[in-house]
PDB file of N, CA and C in Angstrom:
ATOM      1  N   MET A   1      47.783  93.999 109.296  1.00  0.00           N
ATOM      2  CA  MET A   1      48.325  95.235 109.020  1.00  0.00           C
ATOM      3  C   MET A   1      49.898  95.011 108.253  1.00  0.00           C
ATOM      4  N   ARG A   2      50.290  95.713 107.555  1.00  0.00           N
ATOM      5  CA  ARG A   2      51.483  95.195 106.250  1.00  0.00           C
ATOM      6  C   ARG A   2      53.003  96.091 107.147  1.00  0.00           C
ATOM      7  N   PRO A   3      54.337  95.117 107.480  1.00  0.00           N
ATOM      8  CA  PRO A   3      55.066  95.612 108.246  1.00  0.00           C
ATOM      9  C   PRO A   3      55.391  96.829 107.202  1.00  0.00           C
ATOM     10  N   LEU A   4      56.650  97.672 107.797  1.00  0.00           N
ATOM     11  CA  LEU A   4      57.360  98.667 107.152  1.00  0.00           C
ATOM     12  C   LEU A   4      58.051  98.100 106.260  1.00  0.00           C
ATOM     13  N   GLY A   5      58.411  98.862 105.808  1.00  0.00           N
ATOM     14  CA  GLY A   5      59.669  98.391 104.494  1.00  0.00           C
ATOM     15  C   GLY A   5      60.648  99.307 104.355  1.00  0.00           C
ATOM     16  N   ILE A   6      61.487  99.374 103.327  1.00  0.00           N
ATOM     17  CA  ILE A   6      63.000  99.681 103.383  1.00  0.00           C
ATOM     18  C   ILE A   6      63.403  99.978 102.147  1.00  0.00           C
ATOM     19  N   ALA A   7      63.397 100.806 101.430  1.00  0.00           N
ATOM     20  CA  ALA A   7      64.086 101.221 100.299  1.00  0.00           C
ATOM     21  C   ALA A   7      65.427 101.239 100.140  1.00  0.00           C
ATOM     22  N   MET A   8      66.370 100.365  99.432  1.00  0.00           N
ATOM     23  CA  MET A   8      67.599  99.926  99.516  1.00  0.00           C
ATOM     24  C   MET A   8      68.679 100.236  98.476  1.00  0.00           C
ATOM     25  N   ILE A   9      69.632 100.874  98.353  1.00  0.00           N
ATOM     26  CA  ILE A   9      70.584 100.900  97.010  1.00  0.00           C
ATOM     27  C   ILE A   9      71.793 100.267  97.506  1.00  0.00           C
ATOM     28  N   ILE A  10      71.816  99.101  96.420  1.00  0.00           N
ATOM     29  CA  ILE A  10      72.582  98.597  96.704  1.00  0.00           C
ATOM     30  C   ILE A  10      73.652  98.694  95.309  1.00  0.00           C
ATOM     31  N   ILE A  11      75.162  98.617  95.988  1.00  0.00           N
ATOM     32  CA  ILE A  11      76.221  98.809  95.416  1.00  0.00           C
ATOM     33  C   ILE A  11      77.040  97.621  95.111  1.00  0.00           C
ATOM     34  N   GLY A  12      78.160  97.089  94.870  1.00  0.00           N
ATOM     35  CA  GLY A  12      78.897  96.552  94.542  1.00  0.00           C
ATOM     36  C   GLY A  12      79.839  96.241  92.993  1.00  0.00           C
ATOM     37  N   ILE A  13      80.815  95.497  93.148  1.00  0.00           N
ATOM     38  CA  ILE A  13      81.613  95.754  91.815  1.00  0.00           C
ATOM     39  C   ILE A  13      82.198  93.956  91.163  1.00  0.00           C
ATOM     40  N   ASP A  14      81.422  93.557  90.338  1.00  0.00           N
ATOM     41  CA  ASP A  14      81.578  92.129  89.726  1.00  0.00           C
ATOM     42  C   ASP A  14      82.533  92.217  89.051  1.00  0.00           C
ATOM     43  N   VAL A  15      83.381  91.193  89.269  1.00  0.00           N
ATOM     44  CA  VAL A  15      85.161  90.760  88.643  1.00  0.00           C
ATOM     45  C   VAL A  15      84.405  89.446  87.262  1.00  0.00           C
ATOM     46  N   GLU A  16      84.613  90.153  86.543  1.00  0.00           N
ATOM     47  CA  GLU A  16      84.546  89.254  85.211  1.00  0.00           C
ATOM     48  C   GLU A  16      86.064  89.518  84.520  1.00  0.00           C
ATOM     49  N   GLY A  17      86.824  87.878  84.987  1.00  0.00           N
ATOM     50  CA  GLY A  17      87.895  88.206  84.648  1.00  0.00           C
ATOM     51  C   GLY A  17      89.140  88.761  85.283  1.00  0.00           C
ATOM     52  N   GLU A  18      89.684  89.922  84.301  1.00  0.00           N
ATOM     53  CA  GLU A  18      90.237  90.695  84.294  1.00  0.00           C
ATOM     54  C   GLU A  18      89.645  92.359  84.385  1.00  0.00           C
ATOM     55  N   LYS A  19      88.579  92.014  84.010  1.00  0.00           N
ATOM     56  CA  LYS A  19      87.541  93.415  84.129  1.00  0.00           C
ATOM     57  C   LYS A  19      86.731  93.587  85.583  1.00  0.00           C
ATOM     58  N   LYS A  20      86.484  94.591  86.475  1.00  0.00           N
ATOM     59  CA  LYS A  20      85.776  95.324  87.178  1.00  0.00           C
ATOM     60  C   LYS A  20      84.540  95.722  86.552  1.00  0.00           C
ATOM     61  N   VAL A  21      83.651  95.421  87.005  1.00  0.00           N
ATOM     62  CA  VAL A  21      82.374  96.201  86.439  1.00  0.00           C
ATOM     63  C   VAL A  21      81.040  96.156  87.715  1.00  0.00           C
ATOM     64  N   PRO A  22      81.430  98.097  87.951  1.00  0.00           N
ATOM     65  CA  PRO A  22      80.660  98.468  88.871  1.00  0.00           C
ATOM     66  C   PRO A  22      79.285  97.743  88.516  1.00  0.00           C
ATOM     67  N   GLN A  23      78.232  97.829  89.923  1.00  0.00           N
ATOM     68  CA  GLN A  23      76.720  97.557  89.636  1.00  0.00           C
ATOM     69  C   GLN A  23      76.090  98.150  90.784  1.00  0.00           C
ATOM     70  N   LEU A  24      75.044  98.632  90.327  1.00  0.00           N
ATOM     71  CA  LEU A  24      74.182  99.643  90.869  1.00  0.00           C
ATOM     72  C   LEU A  24      72.761  98.829  90.996  1.00  0.00           C
ATOM     73  N   PHE A  25      72.090  98.606  92.071  1.00  0.00           N
ATOM     74  CA  PHE A  25      70.545  98.292  92.035  1.00  0.00           C
ATOM     75  C   PHE A  25      69.893  98.849  93.098  1.00  0.00           C
ATOM     76  N   ARG A  26      68.689  98.752  92.665  1.00  0.00           N
ATOM     77  CA  ARG A  26      67.956 100.015  93.830  1.00  0.00           C
ATOM     78  C   ARG A  26      66.434  98.628  94.256  1.00  0.00           C
ATOM     79  N   CYS A  27      66.394  98.969  95.854  1.00  0.00           N
ATOM     80  CA  CYS A  27      65.445  97.396  96.127  1.00  0.00           C
ATOM     81  C   CYS A  27      64.210  98.414  96.918  1.00  0.00           C
ATOM     82  N   ASP A  28      63.044  98.296  96.398  1.00  0.00           N
ATOM     83  CA  ASP A  28      61.887  99.220  97.125  1.00  0.00           C
ATOM     84  C   ASP A  28      60.824  97.959  98.132  1.00  0.00           C
ATOM     85  N   PRO A  29      60.617  98.745  99.248  1.00  0.00           N
ATOM     86  CA  PRO A  29      60.134  97.786 100.313  1.00  0.00           C
ATOM     87  C   PRO A  29      58.853  96.770  99.931  1.00  0.00           C
ATOM     88  N   ALA A  30      58.440  96.469  98.605  1.00  0.00           N
ATOM     89  CA  ALA A  30      57.523  95.426  98.106  1.00  0.00           C
ATOM     90  C   ALA A  30      58.372  94.321  97.473  1.00  0.00           C
ATOM     91  N   GLY A  31      59.855  94.602  97.565  1.00  0.00           N
ATOM     92  CA  GLY A  31      60.688  93.885  96.912  1.00  0.00           C
ATOM     93  C   GLY A  31      61.191  93.876  95.359  1.00  0.00           C
ATOM     94  N   TYR A  32      60.855  94.540  94.698  1.00  0.00           N
ATOM     95  CA  TYR A  32      61.434  94.921  93.495  1.00  0.00           C
ATOM     96  C   TYR A  32      62.335  95.529  93.082  1.00  0.00           C
ATOM     97  N   TYR A  33      63.308  94.855  92.521  1.00  0.00           N
ATOM     98  CA  TYR A  33      64.637  95.384  92.657  1.00  0.00           C
ATOM     99  C   TYR A  33      64.774  95.860  90.576  1.00  0.00           C
ATOM    100  N   VAL A  34      65.710  96.553  90.750  1.00  0.00           N
ATOM    101  CA  VAL A  34      66.244  96.952  88.816  1.00  0.00           C
ATOM    102  C   VAL A  34      67.972  97.913  89.191  1.00  0.00           C
ATOM    103  N   GLY A  35      68.385  97.733  87.911  1.00  0.00           N
ATOM    104  CA  GLY A  35      69.468  97.756  87.575  1.00  0.00           C
ATOM    105  C   GLY A  35      69.447  99.565  87.597  1.00  0.00           C
ATOM    106  N   TYR A  36      70.391 100.167  87.770  1.00  0.00           N
ATOM    107  CA  TYR A  36      70.831 101.534  87.721  1.00  0.00           C
ATOM    108  C   TYR A  36      71.766 102.043  87.031  1.00  0.00           C
ATOM    109  N   LYS A  37      71.808 103.369  86.429  1.00  0.00           N
ATOM    110  CA  LYS A  37      73.432 104.066  86.435  1.00  0.00           C
ATOM    111  C   LYS A  37      73.238 104.473  87.468  1.00  0.00           C
ATOM    112  N   ALA A  38      72.399 105.391  88.084  1.00  0.00           N
ATOM    113  CA  ALA A  38      72.533 106.279  89.106  1.00  0.00           C
ATOM    114  C   ALA A  38      71.246 106.818  89.556  1.00  0.00           C
ATOM    115  N   THR A  39      70.823 106.457  90.928  1.00  0.00           N
ATOM    116  CA  THR A  39      69.540 106.524  91.351  1.00  0.00           C
ATOM    117  C   THR A  39      69.675 107.418  92.855  1.00  0.00           C
ATOM    118  N   SER A  40      68.556 107.420  93.413  1.00  0.00           N
ATOM    119  CA  SER A  40      68.507 108.048  94.889  1.00  0.00           C
ATOM    120  C   SER A  40      67.253 107.362  95.167  1.00  0.00           C
ATOM    121  N   ALA A  41      66.974 107.745  96.727  1.00  0.00           N
ATOM    122  CA  ALA A  41      65.980 107.144  97.533  1.00  0.00           C
ATOM    123  C   ALA A  41      66.070 107.977  98.869  1.00  0.00           C
ATOM    124  N   GLY A  42      64.668 107.925  99.392  1.00  0.00           N
ATOM    125  CA  GLY A  42      64.651 108.813 100.190  1.00  0.00           C
ATOM    126  C   GLY A  42      63.837 110.173  99.970  1.00  0.00           C
ATOM    127  N   ALA A  43      63.111 111.636 100.792  1.00  0.00           N
ATOM    128  CA  ALA A  43      62.406 112.050 100.476  1.00  0.00           C
ATOM    129  C   ALA A  43      62.208 113.237  99.496  1.00  0.00           C
ATOM    130  N   LYS A  44      63.422 113.556  99.173  1.00  0.00           N
ATOM    131  CA  LYS A  44      63.507 113.859  97.301  1.00  0.00           C
ATOM    132  C   LYS A  44      63.834 113.116  96.536  1.00  0.00           C
ATOM    133  N   GLU A  45      63.725 111.762  96.549  1.00  0.00           N
ATOM    134  CA  GLU A  45      64.548 110.947  95.924  1.00  0.00           C
ATOM    135  C   GLU A  45      63.693 111.813  94.000  1.00  0.00           C
ATOM    136  N   GLN A  46      62.482 111.894  93.689  1.00  0.00           N
ATOM    137  CA  GLN A  46      61.859 112.229  92.416  1.00  0.00           C
ATOM    138  C   GLN A  46      62.949 113.693  92.189  1.00  0.00           C
ATOM    139  N   GLU A  47      62.961 114.481  92.753  1.00  0.00           N
ATOM    140  CA  GLU A  47      63.993 115.770  92.629  1.00  0.00           C
ATOM    141  C   GLU A  47      65.168 115.503  91.775  1.00  0.00           C
ATOM    142  N   ALA A  48      65.680 114.570  92.500  1.00  0.00           N
ATOM    143  CA  ALA A  48      66.916 113.653  92.493  1.00  0.00           C
ATOM    144  C   ALA A  48      67.328 112.920  91.482  1.00  0.00           C
ATOM    145  N   ASN A  49      66.374 111.885  91.420  1.00  0.00           N
ATOM    146  CA  ASN A  49      66.201 111.058  90.205  1.00  0.00           C
ATOM    147  C   ASN A  49      66.277 112.017  88.517  1.00  0.00           C
ATOM    148  N   ASN A  50      65.326 112.808  88.688  1.00  0.00           N
ATOM    149  CA  ASN A  50      65.068 114.183  87.795  1.00  0.00           C
ATOM    150  C   ASN A  50      66.406 114.937  87.252  1.00  0.00           C
ATOM    151  N   PHE A  51      67.011 115.374  88.247  1.00  0.00           N
ATOM    152  CA  PHE A  51      68.527 115.773  88.086  1.00  0.00           C
ATOM    153  C   PHE A  51      69.621 114.803  86.835  1.00  0.00           C
ATOM    154  N   LEU A  52      69.589 113.426  87.618  1.00  0.00           N
ATOM    155  CA  LEU A  52      70.164 112.521  87.761  1.00  0.00           C
ATOM    156  C   LEU A  52      70.230 112.056  86.049  1.00  0.00           C
ATOM    157  N   GLU A  53      68.993 111.976  85.853  1.00  0.00           N
ATOM    158  CA  GLU A  53      68.578 111.564  84.533  1.00  0.00           C
ATOM    159  C   GLU A  53      68.647 112.636  83.261  1.00  0.00           C
ATOM    160  N   LYS A  54      68.382 113.805  83.342  1.00  0.00           N
ATOM    161  CA  LYS A  54      69.309 115.061  82.664  1.00  0.00           C
ATOM    162  C   LYS A  54      70.472 115.013  82.587  1.00  0.00           C
ATOM    163  N   ARG A  55      71.148 114.684  83.620  1.00  0.00           N
ATOM    164  CA  ARG A  55      72.471 114.083  83.351  1.00  0.00           C
ATOM    165  C   ARG A  55      73.257 113.027  82.279  1.00  0.00           C
ATOM    166  N   PHE A  56      72.428 112.125  82.114  1.00  0.00           N
ATOM    167  CA  PHE A  56      72.416 111.317  81.270  1.00  0.00           C
ATOM    168  C   PHE A  56      71.801 111.255  80.038  1.00  0.00           C
ATOM    169  N   LYS A  57      70.683 111.979  79.884  1.00  0.00           N
ATOM    170  CA  LYS A  57      69.638 111.900  78.714  1.00  0.00           C
ATOM    171  C   LYS A  57      70.608 112.319  77.534  1.00  0.00           C
ATOM    172  N   PRO A  58      70.220 111.352  76.543  1.00  0.00           N
ATOM    173  CA  PRO A  58      70.668 111.545  74.990  1.00  0.00           C
ATOM    174  C   PRO A  58      70.701 113.519  74.762  1.00  0.00           C
ATOM    175  N   PRO A  59      71.494 114.168  73.854  1.00  0.00           N
ATOM    176  CA  PRO A  59      72.025 115.276  73.357  1.00  0.00           C
ATOM    177  C   PRO A  59      70.239 115.416  72.431  1.00  0.00           C
ATOM    178  N   ALA A  60      69.856 116.754  72.326  1.00  0.00           N
ATOM    179  CA  ALA A  60      68.316 116.797  71.268  1.00  0.00           C
ATOM    180  C   ALA A  60      68.587 116.267  69.843  1.00  0.00           C
ATOM    181  N   GLY A  61      68.283 115.787  69.276  1.00  0.00           N
ATOM    182  CA  GLY A  61      68.389 115.031  68.609  1.00  0.00           C
ATOM    183  C   GLY A  61      69.351 113.909  67.753  1.00  0.00           C
ATOM    184  N   SER A  62      69.322 113.332  69.420  1.00  0.00           N
ATOM    185  CA  SER A  62      70.445 112.164  69.100  1.00  0.00           C
ATOM    186  C   SER A  62      69.381 110.803  70.055  1.00  0.00           C
ATOM    187  N   ASN A  63      70.005 109.899  69.213  1.00  0.00           N
ATOM    188  CA  ASN A  63      69.086 108.654  70.315  1.00  0.00           C
ATOM    189  C   ASN A  63      70.452 107.554  70.688  1.00  0.00           C
ATOM    190  N   VAL A  64      71.758 108.390  71.096  1.00  0.00           N
ATOM    191  CA  VAL A  64      72.504 108.203  72.209  1.00  0.00           C
ATOM    192  C   VAL A  64      72.971 108.461  73.230  1.00  0.00           C
ATOM    193  N   ALA A  65      72.732 107.783  74.421  1.00  0.00           N
ATOM    194  CA  ALA A  65      72.787 108.056  75.469  1.00  0.00           C
ATOM    195  C   ALA A  65      74.305 108.765  75.926  1.00  0.00           C
ATOM    196  N   VAL A  66      74.410 109.535  76.865  1.00  0.00           N
ATOM    197  CA  VAL A  66      75.624 110.331  77.113  1.00  0.00           C
ATOM    198  C   VAL A  66      76.321 109.094  77.860  1.00  0.00           C
ATOM    199  N   ASP A  67      77.820 108.992  77.451  1.00  0.00           N
ATOM    200  CA  ASP A  67      78.273 108.032  78.239  1.00  0.00           C
ATOM    201  C   ASP A  67      78.699 108.084  79.511  1.00  0.00           C
ATOM    202  N   PRO A  68      78.011 107.071  80.510  1.00  0.00           N
ATOM    203  CA  PRO A  68      77.938 107.409  81.833  1.00  0.00           C
ATOM    204  C   PRO A  68      79.117 107.216  82.918  1.00  0.00           C
ATOM    205  N   LYS A  69      80.721 107.188  81.805  1.00  0.00           N
ATOM    206  CA  LYS A  69      82.147 106.386  82.472  1.00  0.00           C
ATOM    207  C   LYS A  69      82.100 107.704  82.750  1.00  0.00           C
ATOM    208  N   LEU A  70      82.141 108.428  84.365  1.00  0.00           N
ATOM    209  CA  LEU A  70      83.107 109.200  84.805  1.00  0.00           C
ATOM    210  C   LEU A  70      84.006 108.969  85.529  1.00  0.00           C
ATOM    211  N   SER A  71      85.052 109.961  85.654  1.00  0.00           N
ATOM    212  CA  SER A  71      86.338 109.642  86.581  1.00  0.00           C
ATOM    213  C   SER A  71      86.197 109.934  88.157  1.00  0.00           C
ATOM    214  N   HIS A  72      86.077 109.126  89.607  1.00  0.00           N
ATOM    215  CA  HIS A  72      86.024 109.382  90.565  1.00  0.00           C
ATOM    216  C   HIS A  72      85.799 110.565  90.941  1.00  0.00           C
ATOM    217  N   ASP A  73      86.617 112.009  90.315  1.00  0.00           N
ATOM    218  CA  ASP A  73      86.265 113.107  90.784  1.00  0.00           C
ATOM    219  C   ASP A  73      85.270 113.660  90.341  1.00  0.00           C
ATOM    220  N   ASP A  74      84.469 113.464  88.898  1.00  0.00           N
ATOM    221  CA  ASP A  74      83.471 114.051  88.408  1.00  0.00           C
ATOM    222  C   ASP A  74      82.384 113.599  88.891  1.00  0.00           C
ATOM    223  N   THR A  75      82.640 111.703  89.320  1.00  0.00           N
ATOM    224  CA  THR A  75      81.114 111.430  90.326  1.00  0.00           C
ATOM    225  C   THR A  75      81.098 111.644  91.356  1.00  0.00           C
ATOM    226  N   VAL A  76      81.688 112.318  92.142  1.00  0.00           N
ATOM    227  CA  VAL A  76      81.893 113.005  93.810  1.00  0.00           C
ATOM    228  C   VAL A  76      80.943 113.996  93.340  1.00  0.00           C
ATOM    229  N   GLN A  77      82.048 115.263  92.252  1.00  0.00           N
ATOM    230  CA  GLN A  77      80.916 116.338  91.788  1.00  0.00           C
ATOM    231  C   GLN A  77      79.875 116.255  91.488  1.00  0.00           C
ATOM    232  N   LEU A  78      79.546 115.128  90.844  1.00  0.00           N
ATOM    233  CA  LEU A  78      77.828 114.907  90.374  1.00  0.00           C
ATOM    234  C   LEU A  78      76.825 114.962  91.846  1.00  0.00           C
ATOM    235  N   ALA A  79      77.435 113.898  92.452  1.00  0.00           N
ATOM    236  CA  ALA A  79      76.698 113.307  93.873  1.00  0.00           C
ATOM    237  C   ALA A  79      76.623 114.582  94.418  1.00  0.00           C
ATOM    238  N   LEU A  80      77.034 115.539  94.507  1.00  0.00           N
ATOM    239  CA  LEU A  80      77.456 116.518  95.261  1.00  0.00           C
ATOM    240  C   LEU A  80      76.834 117.558  95.035  1.00  0.00           C
ATOM    241  N   ALA A  81      76.646 118.074  93.401  1.00  0.00           N
ATOM    242  CA  ALA A  81      75.624 118.678  92.735  1.00  0.00           C
ATOM    243  C   ALA A  81      74.312 118.465  92.687  1.00  0.00           C
ATOM    244  N   CYS A  82      73.766 117.248  92.640  1.00  0.00           N
ATOM    245  CA  CYS A  82      72.585 116.504  92.955  1.00  0.00           C
ATOM    246  C   CYS A  82      71.999 116.837  94.134  1.00  0.00           C
ATOM    247  N   LEU A  83      72.384 116.388  94.959  1.00  0.00           N
ATOM    248  CA  LEU A  83      72.232 117.208  96.807  1.00  0.00           C
ATOM    249  C   LEU A  83      71.971 118.432  96.786  1.00  0.00           C
ATOM    250  N   GLN A  84      73.046 119.190  96.242  1.00  0.00           N
ATOM    251  CA  GLN A  84      72.962 120.685  96.152  1.00  0.00           C
ATOM    252  C   GLN A  84      71.433 121.483  95.752  1.00  0.00           C
ATOM    253  N   ASN A  85      71.330 120.938  94.449  1.00  0.00           N
ATOM    254  CA  ASN A  85      70.458 121.445  93.711  1.00  0.00           C
ATOM    255  C   ASN A  85      69.299 120.094  94.317  1.00  0.00           C
ATOM    256  N   VAL A  86      68.868 119.406  94.781  1.00  0.00           N
ATOM    257  CA  VAL A  86      67.475 119.021  95.555  1.00  0.00           C
ATOM    258  C   VAL A  86      67.651 119.665  96.992  1.00  0.00           C
ATOM    259  N   LEU A  87      68.623 120.366  97.283  1.00  0.00           N
ATOM    260  CA  LEU A  87      68.234 120.362  98.678  1.00  0.00           C
ATOM    261  C   LEU A  87      67.683 122.373  98.722  1.00  0.00           C
ATOM    262  N   GLY A  88      69.005 122.782  97.654  1.00  0.00           N
ATOM    263  CA  GLY A  88      68.463 123.783  97.408  1.00  0.00           C
ATOM    264  C   GLY A  88      69.489 124.679  98.625  1.00  0.00           C
ATOM    265  N   ALA A  89      70.226 124.348  98.685  1.00  0.00           N
ATOM    266  CA  ALA A  89      71.397 125.418  99.538  1.00  0.00           C
ATOM    267  C   ALA A  89      72.766 124.333  99.477  1.00  0.00           C
ATOM    268  N   ASP A  90      73.669 125.492  99.562  1.00  0.00           N
ATOM    269  CA  ASP A  90      74.991 124.998  99.709  1.00  0.00           C
ATOM    270  C   ASP A  90      75.731 124.691 100.482  1.00  0.00           C
ATOM    271  N   LEU A  91      76.703 123.550  99.958  1.00  0.00           N
ATOM    272  CA  LEU A  91      77.317 122.357 101.120  1.00  0.00           C
ATOM    273  C   LEU A  91      78.941 122.722 101.445  1.00  0.00           C
ATOM    274  N   LYS A  92      78.404 122.512 102.775  1.00  0.00           N
ATOM    275  CA  LYS A  92      80.309 122.883 103.059  1.00  0.00           C
ATOM    276  C   LYS A  92      80.449 121.401 103.117  1.00  0.00           C
ATOM    277  N   ALA A  93      82.207 120.560 103.042  1.00  0.00           N
ATOM    278  CA  ALA A  93      82.346 119.745 103.403  1.00  0.00           C
ATOM    279  C   ALA A  93      82.318 119.458 104.689  1.00  0.00           C
ATOM    280  N   ASN A  94      81.920 119.488 106.036  1.00  0.00           N
ATOM    281  CA  ASN A  94      81.696 119.484 106.705  1.00  0.00           C
ATOM    282  C   ASN A  94      80.398 119.059 107.295  1.00  0.00           C
ATOM    283  N   ASP A  95      79.556 119.470 106.043  1.00  0.00           N
ATOM    284  CA  ASP A  95      78.405 119.344 106.304  1.00  0.00           C
ATOM    285  C   ASP A  95      77.643 117.527 106.061  1.00  0.00           C
ATOM    286  N   ILE A  96      78.607 117.563 105.249  1.00  0.00           N
ATOM    287  CA  ILE A  96      78.108 115.557 104.621  1.00  0.00           C
ATOM    288  C   ILE A  96      79.042 114.719 104.927  1.00  0.00           C
ATOM    289  N   GLU A  97      78.755 113.440 104.659  1.00  0.00           N
ATOM    290  CA  GLU A  97      79.247 112.450 104.466  1.00  0.00           C
ATOM    291  C   GLU A  97      79.145 111.610 103.383  1.00  0.00           C
ATOM    292  N   ALA A  98      80.603 111.457 103.275  1.00  0.00           N
ATOM    293  CA  ALA A  98      80.306 110.249 101.561  1.00  0.00           C
ATOM    294  C   ALA A  98      81.248 109.118 101.271  1.00  0.00           C
ATOM    295  N   CYS A  99      80.848 108.317 101.115  1.00  0.00           N
ATOM    296  CA  CYS A  99      81.791 107.429 101.029  1.00  0.00           C
ATOM    297  C   CYS A  99      81.659 106.783  99.357  1.00  0.00           C
ATOM    298  N   VAL A 100      82.452 106.017  99.094  1.00  0.00           N
ATOM    299  CA  VAL A 100      82.960 105.523  97.561  1.00  0.00           C
ATOM    300  C   VAL A 100      83.459 104.305  97.271  1.00  0.00           C
ATOM    301  N   VAL A 101      83.751 103.542  96.591  1.00  0.00           N
ATOM    302  CA  VAL A 101      83.633 101.900  96.322  1.00  0.00           C
ATOM    303  C   VAL A 101      84.326 102.399  95.080  1.00  0.00           C
ATOM    304  N   ARG A 102      85.525 102.016  94.929  1.00  0.00           N
ATOM    305  CA  ARG A 102      86.392 101.835  93.729  1.00  0.00           C
ATOM    306  C   ARG A 102      86.525 100.733  92.966  1.00  0.00           C
ATOM    307  N   HIS A 103      86.925 100.797  91.740  1.00  0.00           N
ATOM    308  CA  HIS A 103      87.163  99.560  91.080  1.00  0.00           C
ATOM    309  C   HIS A 103      88.659  98.983  90.803  1.00  0.00           C
ATOM    310  N   ASP A 104      89.400  99.736  91.644  1.00  0.00           N
ATOM    311  CA  ASP A 104      90.855  99.816  92.188  1.00  0.00           C
ATOM    312  C   ASP A 104      91.232  99.623  93.338  1.00  0.00           C
ATOM    313  N   ASN A 105      90.169 100.037  94.413  1.00  0.00           N
ATOM    314  CA  ASN A 105      90.297  99.898  95.663  1.00  0.00           C
ATOM    315  C   ASN A 105      88.471  99.081  96.144  1.00  0.00           C
ATOM    316  N   LEU A 106      88.660  97.977  96.119  1.00  0.00           N
ATOM    317  CA  LEU A 106      87.460  97.082  96.645  1.00  0.00           C
ATOM    318  C   LEU A 106      86.850  97.669  98.018  1.00  0.00           C
ATOM    319  N   ALA A 107      87.500  98.175  98.629  1.00  0.00           N
ATOM    320  CA  ALA A 107      87.136  98.781 100.135  1.00  0.00           C
ATOM    321  C   ALA A 107      86.154  99.760 100.466  1.00  0.00           C
ATOM    322  N   PHE A 108      85.027  99.737 101.176  1.00  0.00           N
ATOM    323  CA  PHE A 108      83.865 100.831 101.361  1.00  0.00           C
ATOM    324  C   PHE A 108      85.124 102.129 102.087  1.00  0.00           C
ATOM    325  N   THR A 109      85.083 103.204 101.346  1.00  0.00           N
ATOM    326  CA  THR A 109      86.295 104.266 101.890  1.00  0.00           C
ATOM    327  C   THR A 109      85.213 105.191 102.175  1.00  0.00           C
ATOM    328  N   ARG A 110      85.068 106.079 103.536  1.00  0.00           N
ATOM    329  CA  ARG A 110      85.223 106.998 103.546  1.00  0.00           C
ATOM    330  C   ARG A 110      85.541 108.491 102.943  1.00  0.00           C
ATOM    331  N   LEU A 111      84.805 109.310 102.641  1.00  0.00           N
ATOM    332  CA  LEU A 111      85.758 110.204 101.705  1.00  0.00           C
ATOM    333  C   LEU A 111      86.103 111.871 103.045  1.00  0.00           C
ATOM    334  N   SER A 112      87.431 112.217 103.056  1.00  0.00           N
ATOM    335  CA  SER A 112      87.721 113.445 103.973  1.00  0.00           C
ATOM    336  C   SER A 112      87.083 114.505 103.674  1.00  0.00           C
ATOM    337  N   ALA A 113      87.287 115.329 104.398  1.00  0.00           N
ATOM    338  CA  ALA A 113      86.550 116.932 104.199  1.00  0.00           C
ATOM    339  C   ALA A 113      87.624 117.493 102.809  1.00  0.00           C
ATOM    340  N   ASP A 114      88.528 117.275 102.456  1.00  0.00           N
ATOM    341  CA  ASP A 114      89.905 117.781 101.453  1.00  0.00           C
ATOM    342  C   ASP A 114      89.591 117.298 100.295  1.00  0.00           C
ATOM    343  N   GLU A 115      88.889 115.816 100.371  1.00  0.00           N
ATOM    344  CA  GLU A 115      88.628 115.137  99.813  1.00  0.00           C
ATOM    345  C   GLU A 115      87.266 115.747  99.148  1.00  0.00           C
ATOM    346  N   LEU A 116      86.759 116.118  99.415  1.00  0.00           N
ATOM    347  CA  LEU A 116      84.957 116.503  99.199  1.00  0.00           C
ATOM    348  C   LEU A 116      85.331 117.857  98.521  1.00  0.00           C
ATOM    349  N   GLU A 117      85.890 118.891  99.153  1.00  0.00           N
ATOM    350  CA  GLU A 117      86.373 120.076  98.526  1.00  0.00           C
ATOM    351  C   GLU A 117      86.542 120.323  97.328  1.00  0.00           C
TER     352      GLU A 117
END
């Protein structure tokens, strides 16, 4: 009998000289891991990944991908929009918990309800 496994999303920031580069990896139960610009895990991960893929998809007739360098606020808004889209419900700031890691503040920081509004 095979033991249960988990899927993990691992985030971090690599410091390369003066430059800080965000990293995002997903590891599946088999141990396969790959880097992403955006990803999800869980019961509706396919729907969430489709939403995120459309956000980063190149415009029609172009081979150049959309630049994923979003501001902090834009990134939080994209995550909330993805969550609302997948769940099919309006979310209130008190309904969710969100945390961020920023390149200018390497601490894992929980966002307040005001910041989520």
